[in-house]
Amino acid sequence: MTRLLARLATGLVFVSFGAWELAAPAQWIGYVPPLPAARVEAVPLVLAHGWVLLMLGAAAWINFVPVVTAWLAVAALAEVVAVLVWTGGLTATFVRDVGLLALALVWAMEEIGPHPEATRAPDSSG
């Protein structure tokens, strides 16, 4: 049950933030690190990030290659946390996203653990 809840909740976060980034990318350019932003327009970076989040969220919801999706979610949230430290320091948004990173880590760790089907006793009825 923990695996399912963590997967669906992480997927919801990714779909929500991905959709918001795609709908209004200009509102998110403040989160683009200064180094890449100096070389590339910030809006296309936000749009690319939004698509990545949206696809990760959809992959989580449909349980597509769950081990890979879970660890990609961890990597994406670790990137978000690192960028937040770089662009704004320790803010309330940083604390929220560290919590989301912890949620993704729970999901990823659950995925590499034994699955409920693998821990059931064999059926002796037949």
Protein backbone atom coordinates (compact mmCIF):
# COMPACT_ATOMS: atom_id res chain seq x y z
CA MET A 1 0.00 0.00 0.00
CA THR A 2 2.88 2.37 0.77
CA ARG A 3 4.31 1.78 -2.70
CA LEU A 4 0.99 2.55 -4.38
CA LEU A 5 0.34 5.72 -2.37
CA ALA A 6 3.89 7.02 -2.84
CA ARG A 7 3.75 6.29 -6.59
CA LEU A 8 0.38 7.96 -7.12
CA ALA A 9 1.22 10.98 -4.95
CA THR A 10 4.57 11.51 -6.66
CA GLY A 11 2.85 11.16 -10.03
CA LEU A 12 0.26 13.75 -9.02
CA VAL A 13 2.98 16.21 -8.05
CA PHE A 14 4.83 15.70 -11.34
CA VAL A 15 1.71 15.99 -13.50
CA SER A 16 0.60 19.12 -11.63
CA PHE A 17 3.92 20.94 -11.79
CA GLY A 18 4.59 19.79 -15.35
CA ALA A 19 1.22 21.14 -16.48
CA TRP A 20 1.81 24.43 -14.64
CA GLU A 21 5.23 24.84 -16.24
CA LEU A 22 3.78 24.15 -19.70
CA ALA A 23 0.79 26.46 -19.18
CA ALA A 24 2.76 29.46 -17.90
CA PRO A 25 6.49 28.98 -18.46
CA ALA A 26 7.32 32.66 -17.91
CA GLN A 27 6.24 32.33 -14.27
CA TRP A 28 8.90 29.64 -13.72
CA ILE A 29 11.97 31.22 -15.31
CA GLY A 30 13.17 32.45 -11.92
CA TYR A 31 13.99 28.84 -11.09
CA VAL A 32 16.30 28.36 -14.08
CA PRO A 33 19.91 28.42 -12.85
CA PRO A 34 21.85 31.48 -14.00
CA LEU A 35 24.59 29.60 -15.87
CA PRO A 36 22.37 27.81 -18.43
CA ALA A 37 20.05 30.81 -18.63
CA ALA A 38 22.95 32.98 -19.81
CA ARG A 39 23.52 30.71 -22.81
CA VAL A 40 19.97 29.58 -23.61
CA GLU A 41 16.58 31.19 -23.43
CA ALA A 42 14.95 30.29 -20.12
CA VAL A 43 11.42 29.63 -21.43
CA PRO A 44 12.43 26.64 -23.62
CA LEU A 45 14.26 25.16 -20.63
CA VAL A 46 11.14 25.52 -18.50
CA LEU A 47 9.02 23.97 -21.24
CA ALA A 48 11.42 21.02 -21.57
CA HIS A 49 11.39 20.56 -17.80
CA GLY A 50 7.60 20.70 -17.79
CA TRP A 51 7.39 17.93 -20.40
CA VAL A 52 9.82 15.78 -18.42
CA LEU A 53 7.74 16.21 -15.27
CA LEU A 54 4.49 15.53 -17.11
CA MET A 55 5.88 12.33 -18.67
CA LEU A 56 7.33 11.14 -15.36
CA GLY A 57 3.98 11.74 -13.68
CA ALA A 58 2.13 9.83 -16.39
CA ALA A 59 4.66 6.99 -16.18
CA ALA A 60 4.14 6.85 -12.42
CA TRP A 61 0.36 6.73 -12.77
CA ILE A 62 0.39 3.89 -15.28
CA ASN A 63 3.19 2.09 -13.39
CA PHE A 64 5.47 2.10 -16.44
CA VAL A 65 8.78 0.38 -15.61
CA PRO A 66 8.30 1.39 -11.97
CA VAL A 67 11.88 0.93 -10.75
CA VAL A 68 13.27 3.15 -13.50
CA THR A 69 10.46 5.70 -13.21
CA ALA A 70 10.87 5.90 -9.42
CA TRP A 71 14.61 6.55 -9.63
CA LEU A 72 14.12 9.09 -12.44
CA ALA A 73 11.63 10.83 -10.13
CA VAL A 74 14.27 10.90 -7.38
CA ALA A 75 16.81 12.35 -9.84
CA ALA A 76 14.34 14.98 -11.07
CA LEU A 77 13.48 16.07 -7.53
CA ALA A 78 17.14 16.10 -6.51
CA GLU A 79 17.74 18.43 -9.48
CA VAL A 80 14.86 20.66 -8.36
CA VAL A 81 16.20 20.80 -4.78
CA ALA A 82 19.72 21.62 -6.01
CA VAL A 83 18.42 24.40 -8.26
CA LEU A 84 16.35 25.83 -5.41
CA VAL A 85 19.43 26.01 -3.20
CA TRP A 86 21.38 27.60 -6.05
CA THR A 87 18.74 30.19 -6.98
CA GLY A 88 17.13 31.00 -3.65
CA GLY A 89 18.74 29.31 -0.69
CA LEU A 90 16.80 27.62 2.07
CA THR A 91 13.22 28.74 1.52
CA ALA A 92 9.80 27.27 2.25
CA THR A 93 9.74 26.00 -1.34
CA PHE A 94 13.04 24.23 -0.73
CA VAL A 95 11.63 22.56 2.41
CA ARG A 96 8.51 21.45 0.50
CA ASP A 97 10.56 19.97 -2.29
CA VAL A 98 12.88 18.15 0.12
CA GLY A 99 9.71 16.53 1.48
CA LEU A 100 8.68 15.58 -2.07
CA LEU A 101 12.16 14.16 -2.64
CA ALA A 102 11.71 12.05 0.50
CA LEU A 103 8.37 10.80 -0.86
CA ALA A 104 10.02 9.81 -4.15
CA LEU A 105 12.80 8.07 -2.22
CA VAL A 106 10.22 6.05 -0.27
CA TRP A 107 8.68 4.98 -3.57
CA ALA A 108 12.06 4.13 -5.13
CA MET A 109 13.21 2.16 -2.09
CA GLU A 110 9.91 0.29 -2.03
CA GLU A 111 10.39 -0.61 -5.70
CA ILE A 112 13.75 -2.27 -5.08
CA GLY A 113 12.40 -4.17 -2.08
CA PRO A 114 10.44 -7.40 -2.34
CA HIS A 115 7.08 -7.12 -4.04
CA PRO A 116 4.04 -8.44 -2.16
CA GLU A 117 3.58 -11.18 -4.77
CA ALA A 118 7.11 -12.42 -4.12
CA THR A 119 6.63 -12.68 -0.37
CA ARG A 120 3.39 -14.67 -0.41
CA ALA A 121 3.54 -18.33 0.49
CA PRO A 122 2.99 -20.67 -2.44
CA ASP A 123 -0.52 -21.94 -2.93
CA SER A 124 -0.64 -25.52 -1.68
CA SER A 125 -4.13 -26.24 -2.95
CA GLY A 126 -3.20 -27.45 -6.22
